[in-house]
Structures are given as C-alpha cells and as structure tokens.
Amino acid sequence: MTPLPPTSRLIACLCAEWCGTCRDWRALFDEVTARHPGARVRWIDIEDEADLVGDIDVETFPTVLVVDGGERVRFFGPLLPHAQTLARLLDSLEPGGADQAVDGEVKALARRLAAG
C-alpha cells in the first residue's frame, strides 16, 4: 500500500473477529465509508494485526480512528455501531479542524497506517 498523501483521510475500525457486534457492524461501516471515496479505509482485527496495533488498549468495540494528512488524529474512540453515528462523525470533521489529544501509541498507529 502506498503512503497516505498529506491531504487524504484514513478511516480505520479496530475490532475483533469473535465480536458479534463487530461482524454485524462491518457492512454498515463499509457502506458509510464508501461515501468518502477519497479516504483510505482499514478494518483492523486487533488480534490478527496485534503487531500493527501495538500497545493500544481497545476497551470497547467498535473503536474508530480517523486520521487526516497521515498524522493528524481527528478522532479516536469507541463509537455506537450505527451508520448514522459514523456518518455524522465523518461529516463533522471539517478539514483544518482541531486534532484530538491522544497518547503516543495512538499517534504511532496513525503513522504506521498512513505509511502504508
């Protein structure tokens, strides 16, 4: 995968295959993110891709990560598994808006995902 251009958006969902809510949510997540054709979308199973996720402690599924420009974490946290909730979140994150304060592990994951 090529690195994320500085003007692009990454939308990632951190889930687990064993989680029924995650399995049910996947189709809705794909439907909503398809409305953002310029974004790179990732579905990350935190167990299958533990090396990628690192030491991030995901307490609630689904957890969503939105990154602008490769390093600007705009949102990281659990999200109700409703299509409208994700759509509203993505629409509310205007370009140039404020970054969310997150710890170094989340920033490192954002950089790894942006790098491809």
PDB file of N, CA and C in Angstrom:
ATOM      1  N   MET A   1       0.845  -1.175   0.000  1.00  0.00           N
ATOM      2  CA  MET A   1       0.000   0.000   0.000  1.00  0.00           C
ATOM      3  C   MET A   1       0.890   1.238   0.000  1.00  0.00           C
ATOM      4  N   THR A   2       0.514   2.237  -0.773  1.00  0.00           N
ATOM      5  CA  THR A   2       1.300   3.463  -0.847  1.00  0.00           C
ATOM      6  C   THR A   2       1.011   4.354   0.354  1.00  0.00           C
ATOM      7  N   PRO A   3       1.967   5.213   0.698  1.00  0.00           N
ATOM      8  CA  PRO A   3       1.746   6.120   1.833  1.00  0.00           C
ATOM      9  C   PRO A   3       0.548   7.029   1.584  1.00  0.00           C
ATOM     10  N   LEU A   4      -0.055   7.456   2.666  1.00  0.00           N
ATOM     11  CA  LEU A   4      -1.217   8.337   2.621  1.00  0.00           C
ATOM     12  C   LEU A   4      -0.774   9.749   2.233  1.00  0.00           C
ATOM     13  N   PRO A   5      -1.337  10.326   1.151  1.00  0.00           N
ATOM     14  CA  PRO A   5      -0.987  11.704   0.787  1.00  0.00           C
ATOM     15  C   PRO A   5      -1.363  12.671   1.908  1.00  0.00           C
ATOM     16  N   PRO A   6      -0.668  13.797   1.996  1.00  0.00           N
ATOM     17  CA  PRO A   6      -0.912  14.744   3.093  1.00  0.00           C
ATOM     18  C   PRO A   6      -2.326  15.302   3.146  1.00  0.00           C
ATOM     19  N   THR A   7      -3.063  15.262   2.040  1.00  0.00           N
ATOM     20  CA  THR A   7      -4.417  15.801   2.026  1.00  0.00           C
ATOM     21  C   THR A   7      -5.483  14.723   2.179  1.00  0.00           C
ATOM     22  N   SER A   8      -5.075  13.496   2.410  1.00  0.00           N
ATOM     23  CA  SER A   8      -6.023  12.382   2.469  1.00  0.00           C
ATOM     24  C   SER A   8      -6.482  12.082   3.883  1.00  0.00           C
ATOM     25  N   ARG A   9      -7.520  11.267   3.940  1.00  0.00           N
ATOM     26  CA  ARG A   9      -8.093  10.841   5.216  1.00  0.00           C
ATOM     27  C   ARG A   9      -8.014   9.324   5.306  1.00  0.00           C
ATOM     28  N   LEU A  10      -7.730   8.856   6.508  1.00  0.00           N
ATOM     29  CA  LEU A  10      -7.746   7.435   6.816  1.00  0.00           C
ATOM     30  C   LEU A  10      -8.873   7.200   7.818  1.00  0.00           C
ATOM     31  N   ILE A  11      -9.707   6.204   7.543  1.00  0.00           N
ATOM     32  CA  ILE A  11     -10.778   5.827   8.463  1.00  0.00           C
ATOM     33  C   ILE A  11     -10.541   4.366   8.799  1.00  0.00           C
ATOM     34  N   ALA A  12     -10.268   4.082  10.063  1.00  0.00           N
ATOM     35  CA  ALA A  12      -9.979   2.705  10.479  1.00  0.00           C
ATOM     36  C   ALA A  12     -10.932   2.290  11.591  1.00  0.00           C
ATOM     37  N   CYS A  13     -11.306   1.029  11.546  1.00  0.00           N
ATOM     38  CA  CYS A  13     -12.129   0.461  12.600  1.00  0.00           C
ATOM     39  C   CYS A  13     -11.332  -0.653  13.270  1.00  0.00           C
ATOM     40  N   LEU A  14     -11.174  -0.558  14.572  1.00  0.00           N
ATOM     41  CA  LEU A  14     -10.474  -1.579  15.334  1.00  0.00           C
ATOM     42  C   LEU A  14     -11.506  -2.475  15.982  1.00  0.00           C
ATOM     43  N   CYS A  15     -11.490  -3.733  15.590  1.00  0.00           N
ATOM     44  CA  CYS A  15     -12.477  -4.695  16.052  1.00  0.00           C
ATOM     45  C   CYS A  15     -11.819  -6.047  16.293  1.00  0.00           C
ATOM     46  N   ALA A  16     -12.654  -7.057  16.507  1.00  0.00           N
ATOM     47  CA  ALA A  16     -12.182  -8.428  16.669  1.00  0.00           C
ATOM     48  C   ALA A  16     -13.167  -9.364  15.982  1.00  0.00           C
ATOM     49  N   GLU A  17     -12.633 -10.366  15.323  1.00  0.00           N
ATOM     50  CA  GLU A  17     -13.481 -11.300  14.576  1.00  0.00           C
ATOM     51  C   GLU A  17     -14.479 -12.017  15.482  1.00  0.00           C
ATOM     52  N   TRP A  18     -14.115 -12.294  16.724  1.00  0.00           N
ATOM     53  CA  TRP A  18     -15.001 -13.034  17.619  1.00  0.00           C
ATOM     54  C   TRP A  18     -16.179 -12.181  18.110  1.00  0.00           C
ATOM     55  N   CYS A  19     -16.106 -10.875  17.893  1.00  0.00           N
ATOM     56  CA  CYS A  19     -17.122  -9.949  18.396  1.00  0.00           C
ATOM     57  C   CYS A  19     -18.314  -9.903  17.431  1.00  0.00           C
ATOM     58  N   GLY A  20     -19.464 -10.367  17.872  1.00  0.00           N
ATOM     59  CA  GLY A  20     -20.668 -10.366  17.051  1.00  0.00           C
ATOM     60  C   GLY A  20     -21.077  -8.963  16.636  1.00  0.00           C
ATOM     61  N   THR A  21     -20.938  -7.998  17.529  1.00  0.00           N
ATOM     62  CA  THR A  21     -21.262  -6.620  17.190  1.00  0.00           C
ATOM     63  C   THR A  21     -20.382  -6.139  16.041  1.00  0.00           C
ATOM     64  N   CYS A  22     -19.100  -6.479  16.082  1.00  0.00           N
ATOM     65  CA  CYS A  22     -18.185  -6.081  15.009  1.00  0.00           C
ATOM     66  C   CYS A  22     -18.593  -6.716  13.685  1.00  0.00           C
ATOM     67  N   ARG A  23     -18.913  -7.988  13.715  1.00  0.00           N
ATOM     68  CA  ARG A  23     -19.311  -8.662  12.470  1.00  0.00           C
ATOM     69  C   ARG A  23     -20.564  -8.012  11.894  1.00  0.00           C
ATOM     70  N   ASP A  24     -21.531  -7.676  12.741  1.00  0.00           N
ATOM     71  CA  ASP A  24     -22.758  -7.023  12.280  1.00  0.00           C
ATOM     72  C   ASP A  24     -22.476  -5.607  11.765  1.00  0.00           C
ATOM     73  N   TRP A  25     -21.523  -4.932  12.357  1.00  0.00           N
ATOM     74  CA  TRP A  25     -21.189  -3.548  12.061  1.00  0.00           C
ATOM     75  C   TRP A  25     -20.416  -3.403  10.751  1.00  0.00           C
ATOM     76  N   ARG A  26     -19.698  -4.429  10.343  1.00  0.00           N
ATOM     77  CA  ARG A  26     -18.797  -4.319   9.188  1.00  0.00           C
ATOM     78  C   ARG A  26     -19.512  -3.831   7.929  1.00  0.00           C
ATOM     79  N   ALA A  27     -20.651  -4.380   7.594  1.00  0.00           N
ATOM     80  CA  ALA A  27     -21.356  -3.978   6.374  1.00  0.00           C
ATOM     81  C   ALA A  27     -21.782  -2.506   6.442  1.00  0.00           C
ATOM     82  N   LEU A  28     -22.228  -2.058   7.603  1.00  0.00           N
ATOM     83  CA  LEU A  28     -22.628  -0.653   7.758  1.00  0.00           C
ATOM     84  C   LEU A  28     -21.412   0.267   7.677  1.00  0.00           C
ATOM     85  N   PHE A  29     -20.322  -0.145   8.299  1.00  0.00           N
ATOM     86  CA  PHE A  29     -19.077   0.619   8.241  1.00  0.00           C
ATOM     87  C   PHE A  29     -18.638   0.779   6.785  1.00  0.00           C
ATOM     88  N   ASP A  30     -18.647  -0.322   6.034  1.00  0.00           N
ATOM     89  CA  ASP A  30     -18.248  -0.279   4.625  1.00  0.00           C
ATOM     90  C   ASP A  30     -19.180   0.623   3.816  1.00  0.00           C
ATOM     91  N   GLU A  31     -20.479   0.565   4.117  1.00  0.00           N
ATOM     92  CA  GLU A  31     -21.463   1.391   3.400  1.00  0.00           C
ATOM     93  C   GLU A  31     -21.212   2.877   3.636  1.00  0.00           C
ATOM     94  N   VAL A  32     -20.989   3.254   4.889  1.00  0.00           N
ATOM     95  CA  VAL A  32     -20.779   4.668   5.217  1.00  0.00           C
ATOM     96  C   VAL A  32     -19.447   5.155   4.655  1.00  0.00           C
ATOM     97  N   THR A  33     -18.388   4.383   4.821  1.00  0.00           N
ATOM     98  CA  THR A  33     -17.077   4.845   4.362  1.00  0.00           C
ATOM     99  C   THR A  33     -17.004   4.892   2.836  1.00  0.00           C
ATOM    100  N   ALA A  34     -17.830   4.138   2.141  1.00  0.00           N
ATOM    101  CA  ALA A  34     -17.867   4.189   0.674  1.00  0.00           C
ATOM    102  C   ALA A  34     -18.321   5.564   0.186  1.00  0.00           C
ATOM    103  N   ARG A  35     -19.003   6.307   1.035  1.00  0.00           N
ATOM    104  CA  ARG A  35     -19.443   7.668   0.688  1.00  0.00           C
ATOM    105  C   ARG A  35     -18.291   8.676   0.769  1.00  0.00           C
ATOM    106  N   HIS A  36     -17.119   8.189   1.126  1.00  0.00           N
ATOM    107  CA  HIS A  36     -15.919   9.024   1.235  1.00  0.00           C
ATOM    108  C   HIS A  36     -14.847   8.425   0.325  1.00  0.00           C
ATOM    109  N   PRO A  37     -15.030   8.571  -0.992  1.00  0.00           N
ATOM    110  CA  PRO A  37     -14.161   7.876  -1.941  1.00  0.00           C
ATOM    111  C   PRO A  37     -12.697   8.295  -1.878  1.00  0.00           C
ATOM    112  N   GLY A  38     -12.396   9.445  -1.348  1.00  0.00           N
ATOM    113  CA  GLY A  38     -11.005   9.870  -1.238  1.00  0.00           C
ATOM    114  C   GLY A  38     -10.286   9.310  -0.026  1.00  0.00           C
ATOM    115  N   ALA A  39     -11.006   8.640   0.841  1.00  0.00           N
ATOM    116  CA  ALA A  39     -10.406   8.134   2.084  1.00  0.00           C
ATOM    117  C   ALA A  39      -9.863   6.720   1.904  1.00  0.00           C
ATOM    118  N   ARG A  40      -8.809   6.445   2.631  1.00  0.00           N
ATOM    119  CA  ARG A  40      -8.326   5.072   2.742  1.00  0.00           C
ATOM    120  C   ARG A  40      -9.058   4.462   3.932  1.00  0.00           C
ATOM    121  N   VAL A  41      -9.587   3.278   3.757  1.00  0.00           N
ATOM    122  CA  VAL A  41     -10.375   2.622   4.795  1.00  0.00           C
ATOM    123  C   VAL A  41      -9.682   1.336   5.207  1.00  0.00           C
ATOM    124  N   ARG A  42      -9.596   1.123   6.514  1.00  0.00           N
ATOM    125  CA  ARG A  42      -8.979  -0.104   7.037  1.00  0.00           C
ATOM    126  C   ARG A  42      -9.882  -0.732   8.081  1.00  0.00           C
ATOM    127  N   TRP A  43     -10.045  -2.029   7.998  1.00  0.00           N
ATOM    128  CA  TRP A  43     -10.708  -2.836   9.017  1.00  0.00           C
ATOM    129  C   TRP A  43      -9.590  -3.596   9.695  1.00  0.00           C
ATOM    130  N   ILE A  44      -9.403  -3.380  10.987  1.00  0.00           N
ATOM    131  CA  ILE A  44      -8.264  -3.956  11.693  1.00  0.00           C
ATOM    132  C   ILE A  44      -8.754  -4.880  12.792  1.00  0.00           C
ATOM    133  N   ASP A  45      -8.448  -6.160  12.652  1.00  0.00           N
ATOM    134  CA  ASP A  45      -8.712  -7.114  13.716  1.00  0.00           C
ATOM    135  C   ASP A  45      -7.543  -6.989  14.692  1.00  0.00           C
ATOM    136  N   ILE A  46      -7.823  -6.511  15.893  1.00  0.00           N
ATOM    137  CA  ILE A  46      -6.739  -6.202  16.833  1.00  0.00           C
ATOM    138  C   ILE A  46      -5.963  -7.432  17.282  1.00  0.00           C
ATOM    139  N   GLU A  47      -6.533  -8.607  17.098  1.00  0.00           N
ATOM    140  CA  GLU A  47      -5.805  -9.824  17.449  1.00  0.00           C
ATOM    141  C   GLU A  47      -4.976 -10.315  16.269  1.00  0.00           C
ATOM    142  N   ASP A  48      -5.554 -10.323  15.080  1.00  0.00           N
ATOM    143  CA  ASP A  48      -4.821 -10.762  13.891  1.00  0.00           C
ATOM    144  C   ASP A  48      -3.713  -9.790  13.506  1.00  0.00           C
ATOM    145  N   GLU A  49      -3.896  -8.521  13.827  1.00  0.00           N
ATOM    146  CA  GLU A  49      -2.905  -7.499  13.482  1.00  0.00           C
ATOM    147  C   GLU A  49      -2.341  -6.842  14.738  1.00  0.00           C
ATOM    148  N   ALA A  50      -2.060  -7.667  15.737  1.00  0.00           N
ATOM    149  CA  ALA A  50      -1.567  -7.165  17.020  1.00  0.00           C
ATOM    150  C   ALA A  50      -0.256  -6.397  16.869  1.00  0.00           C
ATOM    151  N   ASP A  51       0.622  -6.834  15.959  1.00  0.00           N
ATOM    152  CA  ASP A  51       1.888  -6.119  15.752  1.00  0.00           C
ATOM    153  C   ASP A  51       1.646  -4.705  15.232  1.00  0.00           C
ATOM    154  N   LEU A  52       0.652  -4.539  14.381  1.00  0.00           N
ATOM    155  CA  LEU A  52       0.318  -3.227  13.845  1.00  0.00           C
ATOM    156  C   LEU A  52      -0.294  -2.341  14.932  1.00  0.00           C
ATOM    157  N   VAL A  53      -1.203  -2.897  15.707  1.00  0.00           N
ATOM    158  CA  VAL A  53      -1.916  -2.132  16.733  1.00  0.00           C
ATOM    159  C   VAL A  53      -0.995  -1.713  17.870  1.00  0.00           C
ATOM    160  N   GLY A  54      -0.027  -2.541  18.188  1.00  0.00           N
ATOM    161  CA  GLY A  54       0.906  -2.202  19.264  1.00  0.00           C
ATOM    162  C   GLY A  54       0.261  -2.330  20.628  1.00  0.00           C
ATOM    163  N   ASP A  55       0.602  -1.411  21.518  1.00  0.00           N
ATOM    164  CA  ASP A  55       0.152  -1.480  22.911  1.00  0.00           C
ATOM    165  C   ASP A  55      -1.143  -0.717  23.178  1.00  0.00           C
ATOM    166  N   ILE A  56      -1.878  -0.393  22.140  1.00  0.00           N
ATOM    167  CA  ILE A  56      -3.143   0.310  22.336  1.00  0.00           C
ATOM    168  C   ILE A  56      -4.130  -0.623  23.012  1.00  0.00           C
ATOM    169  N   ASP A  57      -4.758  -0.132  24.067  1.00  0.00           N
ATOM    170  CA  ASP A  57      -5.736  -0.919  24.805  1.00  0.00           C
ATOM    171  C   ASP A  57      -7.133  -0.565  24.309  1.00  0.00           C
ATOM    172  N   VAL A  58      -7.694  -1.426  23.475  1.00  0.00           N
ATOM    173  CA  VAL A  58      -9.042  -1.212  22.965  1.00  0.00           C
ATOM    174  C   VAL A  58     -10.008  -1.845  23.962  1.00  0.00           C
ATOM    175  N   GLU A  59     -10.786  -1.002  24.626  1.00  0.00           N
ATOM    176  CA  GLU A  59     -11.682  -1.477  25.670  1.00  0.00           C
ATOM    177  C   GLU A  59     -13.088  -1.758  25.170  1.00  0.00           C
ATOM    178  N   THR A  60     -13.504  -1.075  24.100  1.00  0.00           N
ATOM    179  CA  THR A  60     -14.872  -1.193  23.608  1.00  0.00           C
ATOM    180  C   THR A  60     -14.852  -1.310  22.086  1.00  0.00           C
ATOM    181  N   PHE A  61     -15.656  -2.219  21.586  1.00  0.00           N
ATOM    182  CA  PHE A  61     -15.797  -2.375  20.130  1.00  0.00           C
ATOM    183  C   PHE A  61     -17.121  -1.772  19.691  1.00  0.00           C
ATOM    184  N   PRO A  62     -17.181  -1.189  18.517  1.00  0.00           N
ATOM    185  CA  PRO A  62     -16.055  -0.848  17.666  1.00  0.00           C
ATOM    186  C   PRO A  62     -15.367   0.431  18.144  1.00  0.00           C
ATOM    187  N   THR A  63     -14.071   0.502  17.878  1.00  0.00           N
ATOM    188  CA  THR A  63     -13.296   1.706  18.119  1.00  0.00           C
ATOM    189  C   THR A  63     -12.871   2.235  16.758  1.00  0.00           C
ATOM    190  N   VAL A  64     -13.063   3.509  16.547  1.00  0.00           N
ATOM    191  CA  VAL A  64     -12.794   4.127  15.250  1.00  0.00           C
ATOM    192  C   VAL A  64     -11.630   5.104  15.382  1.00  0.00           C
ATOM    193  N   LEU A  65     -10.797   5.116  14.349  1.00  0.00           N
ATOM    194  CA  LEU A  65      -9.668   6.039  14.244  1.00  0.00           C
ATOM    195  C   LEU A  65      -9.817   6.798  12.928  1.00  0.00           C
ATOM    196  N   VAL A  66      -9.803   8.124  13.006  1.00  0.00           N
ATOM    197  CA  VAL A  66      -9.839   8.962  11.807  1.00  0.00           C
ATOM    198  C   VAL A  66      -8.589   9.832  11.831  1.00  0.00           C
ATOM    199  N   VAL A  67      -7.820   9.741  10.749  1.00  0.00           N
ATOM    200  CA  VAL A  67      -6.551  10.457  10.642  1.00  0.00           C
ATOM    201  C   VAL A  67      -6.568  11.286   9.362  1.00  0.00           C
ATOM    202  N   ASP A  68      -6.188  12.538   9.480  1.00  0.00           N
ATOM    203  CA  ASP A  68      -6.043  13.405   8.308  1.00  0.00           C
ATOM    204  C   ASP A  68      -4.564  13.668   8.068  1.00  0.00           C
ATOM    205  N   GLY A  69      -4.190  13.635   6.804  1.00  0.00           N
ATOM    206  CA  GLY A  69      -2.830  14.013   6.429  1.00  0.00           C
ATOM    207  C   GLY A  69      -1.738  13.140   6.981  1.00  0.00           C
ATOM    208  N   GLY A  70      -2.048  11.940   7.336  1.00  0.00           N
ATOM    209  CA  GLY A  70      -1.025  10.999   7.776  1.00  0.00           C
ATOM    210  C   GLY A  70      -0.728  11.000   9.252  1.00  0.00           C
ATOM    211  N   GLU A  71      -0.906  12.120   9.946  1.00  0.00           N
ATOM    212  CA  GLU A  71      -0.538  12.146  11.362  1.00  0.00           C
ATOM    213  C   GLU A  71      -1.526  12.875  12.252  1.00  0.00           C
ATOM    214  N   ARG A  72      -2.462  13.572  11.672  1.00  0.00           N
ATOM    215  CA  ARG A  72      -3.399  14.373  12.467  1.00  0.00           C
ATOM    216  C   ARG A  72      -4.564  13.499  12.914  1.00  0.00           C
ATOM    217  N   VAL A  73      -4.537  13.067  14.158  1.00  0.00           N
ATOM    218  CA  VAL A  73      -5.615  12.232  14.691  1.00  0.00           C
ATOM    219  C   VAL A  73      -6.798  13.143  14.980  1.00  0.00           C
ATOM    220  N   ARG A  74      -7.843  12.957  14.203  1.00  0.00           N
ATOM    221  CA  ARG A  74      -9.043  13.787  14.345  1.00  0.00           C
ATOM    222  C   ARG A  74     -10.037  13.149  15.296  1.00  0.00           C
ATOM    223  N   PHE A  75     -10.042  11.791  15.345  1.00  0.00           N
ATOM    224  CA  PHE A  75     -10.937  11.094  16.262  1.00  0.00           C
ATOM    225  C   PHE A  75     -10.342   9.732  16.566  1.00  0.00           C
ATOM    226  N   PHE A  76     -10.392   9.362  17.828  1.00  0.00           N
ATOM    227  CA  PHE A  76     -10.048   8.013  18.252  1.00  0.00           C
ATOM    228  C   PHE A  76     -10.911   7.681  19.451  1.00  0.00           C
ATOM    229  N   GLY A  77     -11.707   6.620  19.327  1.00  0.00           N
ATOM    230  CA  GLY A  77     -12.513   6.204  20.463  1.00  0.00           C
ATOM    231  C   GLY A  77     -13.626   5.268  20.045  1.00  0.00           C
ATOM    232  N   PRO A  78     -14.334   4.753  21.030  1.00  0.00           N
ATOM    233  CA  PRO A  78     -15.465   3.864  20.727  1.00  0.00           C
ATOM    234  C   PRO A  78     -16.593   4.662  20.090  1.00  0.00           C
ATOM    235  N   LEU A  79     -17.358   3.966  19.291  1.00  0.00           N
ATOM    236  CA  LEU A  79     -18.461   4.602  18.582  1.00  0.00           C
ATOM    237  C   LEU A  79     -19.635   3.640  18.582  1.00  0.00           C
ATOM    238  N   LEU A  80     -20.831   4.160  18.820  1.00  0.00           N
ATOM    239  CA  LEU A  80     -22.000   3.300  18.709  1.00  0.00           C
ATOM    240  C   LEU A  80     -22.047   2.718  17.307  1.00  0.00           C
ATOM    241  N   PRO A  81     -22.337   1.443  17.167  1.00  0.00           N
ATOM    242  CA  PRO A  81     -22.324   0.816  15.842  1.00  0.00           C
ATOM    243  C   PRO A  81     -23.588   1.116  15.036  1.00  0.00           C
ATOM    244  N   HIS A  82     -23.765   2.386  14.747  1.00  0.00           N
ATOM    245  CA  HIS A  82     -24.896   2.842  13.941  1.00  0.00           C
ATOM    246  C   HIS A  82     -24.342   3.624  12.761  1.00  0.00           C
ATOM    247  N   ALA A  83     -24.861   3.354  11.577  1.00  0.00           N
ATOM    248  CA  ALA A  83     -24.381   4.031  10.373  1.00  0.00           C
ATOM    249  C   ALA A  83     -24.508   5.546  10.497  1.00  0.00           C
ATOM    250  N   GLN A  84     -25.634   6.028  11.034  1.00  0.00           N
ATOM    251  CA  GLN A  84     -25.856   7.466  11.141  1.00  0.00           C
ATOM    252  C   GLN A  84     -24.841   8.126  12.070  1.00  0.00           C
ATOM    253  N   THR A  85     -24.445   7.427  13.116  1.00  0.00           N
ATOM    254  CA  THR A  85     -23.473   7.985  14.057  1.00  0.00           C
ATOM    255  C   THR A  85     -22.125   8.172  13.375  1.00  0.00           C
ATOM    256  N   LEU A  86     -21.684   7.164  12.636  1.00  0.00           N
ATOM    257  CA  LEU A  86     -20.417   7.282  11.914  1.00  0.00           C
ATOM    258  C   LEU A  86     -20.511   8.359  10.839  1.00  0.00           C
ATOM    259  N   ALA A  87     -21.605   8.399  10.100  1.00  0.00           N
ATOM    260  CA  ALA A  87     -21.771   9.408   9.050  1.00  0.00           C
ATOM    261  C   ALA A  87     -21.700  10.817   9.633  1.00  0.00           C
ATOM    262  N   ARG A  88     -22.386  11.043  10.756  1.00  0.00           N
ATOM    263  CA  ARG A  88     -22.355  12.370  11.399  1.00  0.00           C
ATOM    264  C   ARG A  88     -20.935  12.722  11.853  1.00  0.00           C
ATOM    265  N   LEU A  89     -20.246  11.737  12.427  1.00  0.00           N
ATOM    266  CA  LEU A  89     -18.876  11.981  12.883  1.00  0.00           C
ATOM    267  C   LEU A  89     -18.002  12.404  11.704  1.00  0.00           C
ATOM    268  N   LEU A  90     -18.025  11.625  10.635  1.00  0.00           N
ATOM    269  CA  LEU A  90     -17.172  11.929   9.486  1.00  0.00           C
ATOM    270  C   LEU A  90     -17.520  13.273   8.864  1.00  0.00           C
ATOM    271  N   ASP A  91     -18.796  13.589   8.797  1.00  0.00           N
ATOM    272  CA  ASP A  91     -19.216  14.879   8.235  1.00  0.00           C
ATOM    273  C   ASP A  91     -18.820  16.051   9.132  1.00  0.00           C
ATOM    274  N   SER A  92     -18.707  15.809  10.428  1.00  0.00           N
ATOM    275  CA  SER A  92     -18.391  16.892  11.365  1.00  0.00           C
ATOM    276  C   SER A  92     -16.903  17.233  11.409  1.00  0.00           C
ATOM    277  N   LEU A  93     -16.073  16.358  10.919  1.00  0.00           N
ATOM    278  CA  LEU A  93     -14.621  16.572  10.978  1.00  0.00           C
ATOM    279  C   LEU A  93     -14.173  17.372   9.753  1.00  0.00           C
ATOM    280  N   GLU A  94     -14.360  18.659   9.827  1.00  0.00           N
ATOM    281  CA  GLU A  94     -14.021  19.531   8.714  1.00  0.00           C
ATOM    282  C   GLU A  94     -12.508  19.594   8.531  1.00  0.00           C
ATOM    283  N   PRO A  95     -12.067  19.736   7.278  1.00  0.00           N
ATOM    284  CA  PRO A  95     -10.630  19.901   7.038  1.00  0.00           C
ATOM    285  C   PRO A  95     -10.097  21.098   7.808  1.00  0.00           C
ATOM    286  N   GLY A  96      -8.938  20.942   8.384  1.00  0.00           N
ATOM    287  CA  GLY A  96      -8.328  22.030   9.131  1.00  0.00           C
ATOM    288  C   GLY A  96      -8.826  22.166  10.551  1.00  0.00           C
ATOM    289  N   GLY A  97      -9.757  21.294  10.973  1.00  0.00           N
ATOM    290  CA  GLY A  97     -10.266  21.350  12.334  1.00  0.00           C
ATOM    291  C   GLY A  97      -9.215  20.884  13.342  1.00  0.00           C
ATOM    292  N   ALA A  98      -9.588  20.948  14.591  1.00  0.00           N
ATOM    293  CA  ALA A  98      -8.675  20.603  15.678  1.00  0.00           C
ATOM    294  C   ALA A  98      -8.408  19.108  15.736  1.00  0.00           C
ATOM    295  N   ASP A  99      -7.197  18.783  16.142  1.00  0.00           N
ATOM    296  CA  ASP A  99      -6.830  17.395  16.372  1.00  0.00           C
ATOM    297  C   ASP A  99      -7.326  16.969  17.742  1.00  0.00           C
ATOM    298  N   GLN A 100      -7.530  15.662  17.910  1.00  0.00           N
ATOM    299  CA  GLN A 100      -7.896  15.127  19.211  1.00  0.00           C
ATOM    300  C   GLN A 100      -6.614  14.813  19.973  1.00  0.00           C
ATOM    301  N   ALA A 101      -6.584  15.133  21.248  1.00  0.00           N
ATOM    302  CA  ALA A 101      -5.432  14.794  22.073  1.00  0.00           C
ATOM    303  C   ALA A 101      -5.450  13.290  22.333  1.00  0.00           C
ATOM    304  N   VAL A 102      -4.397  12.604  21.924  1.00  0.00           N
ATOM    305  CA  VAL A 102      -4.283  11.159  22.115  1.00  0.00           C
ATOM    306  C   VAL A 102      -2.877  10.844  22.592  1.00  0.00           C
ATOM    307  N   ASP A 103      -2.716   9.636  23.125  1.00  0.00           N
ATOM    308  CA  ASP A 103      -1.391   9.261  23.612  1.00  0.00           C
ATOM    309  C   ASP A 103      -0.477   8.862  22.452  1.00  0.00           C
ATOM    310  N   GLY A 104       0.786   8.659  22.785  1.00  0.00           N
ATOM    311  CA  GLY A 104       1.798   8.350  21.784  1.00  0.00           C
ATOM    312  C   GLY A 104       1.555   7.066  21.018  1.00  0.00           C
ATOM    313  N   GLU A 105       0.932   6.079  21.649  1.00  0.00           N
ATOM    314  CA  GLU A 105       0.657   4.812  20.965  1.00  0.00           C
ATOM    315  C   GLU A 105      -0.340   5.001  19.827  1.00  0.00           C
ATOM    316  N   VAL A 106      -1.355   5.817  20.053  1.00  0.00           N
ATOM    317  CA  VAL A 106      -2.354   6.078  19.017  1.00  0.00           C
ATOM    318  C   VAL A 106      -1.713   6.863  17.877  1.00  0.00           C
ATOM    319  N   LYS A 107      -0.882   7.851  18.193  1.00  0.00           N
ATOM    320  CA  LYS A 107      -0.172   8.602  17.165  1.00  0.00           C
ATOM    321  C   LYS A 107       0.738   7.684  16.357  1.00  0.00           C
ATOM    322  N   ALA A 108       1.390   6.752  17.031  1.00  0.00           N
ATOM    323  CA  ALA A 108       2.276   5.814  16.334  1.00  0.00           C
ATOM    324  C   ALA A 108       1.476   4.911  15.396  1.00  0.00           C
ATOM    325  N   LEU A 109       0.305   4.450  15.829  1.00  0.00           N
ATOM    326  CA  LEU A 109      -0.551   3.646  14.957  1.00  0.00           C
ATOM    327  C   LEU A 109      -0.979   4.468  13.739  1.00  0.00           C
ATOM    328  N   ALA A 110      -1.346   5.711  13.952  1.00  0.00           N
ATOM    329  CA  ALA A 110      -1.744   6.577  12.842  1.00  0.00           C
ATOM    330  C   ALA A 110      -0.609   6.693  11.829  1.00  0.00           C
ATOM    331  N   ARG A 111       0.610   6.868  12.302  1.00  0.00           N
ATOM    332  CA  ARG A 111       1.770   6.973  11.397  1.00  0.00           C
ATOM    333  C   ARG A 111       2.004   5.655  10.649  1.00  0.00           C
ATOM    334  N   ARG A 112       1.877   4.519  11.352  1.00  0.00           N
ATOM    335  CA  ARG A 112       2.088   3.225  10.694  1.00  0.00           C
ATOM    336  C   ARG A 112       1.039   3.005   9.605  1.00  0.00           C
ATOM    337  N   LEU A 113      -0.196   3.330   9.907  1.00  0.00           N
ATOM    338  CA  LEU A 113      -1.269   3.151   8.916  1.00  0.00           C
ATOM    339  C   LEU A 113      -1.088   4.107   7.743  1.00  0.00           C
ATOM    340  N   ALA A 114      -0.710   5.338   8.014  1.00  0.00           N
ATOM    341  CA  ALA A 114      -0.510   6.319   6.937  1.00  0.00           C
ATOM    342  C   ALA A 114       0.661   5.936   6.032  1.00  0.00           C
ATOM    343  N   ALA A 115       1.649   5.275   6.608  1.00  0.00           N
ATOM    344  CA  ALA A 115       2.835   4.894   5.834  1.00  0.00           C
ATOM    345  C   ALA A 115       2.516   3.779   4.858  1.00  0.00           C
ATOM    346  N   GLY A 116       1.409   3.117   5.065  1.00  0.00           N
ATOM    347  CA  GLY A 116       1.016   2.067   4.129  1.00  0.00           C
ATOM    348  C   GLY A 116       1.182   0.733   4.724  1.00  0.00           C
TER     349      GLY A 116
END
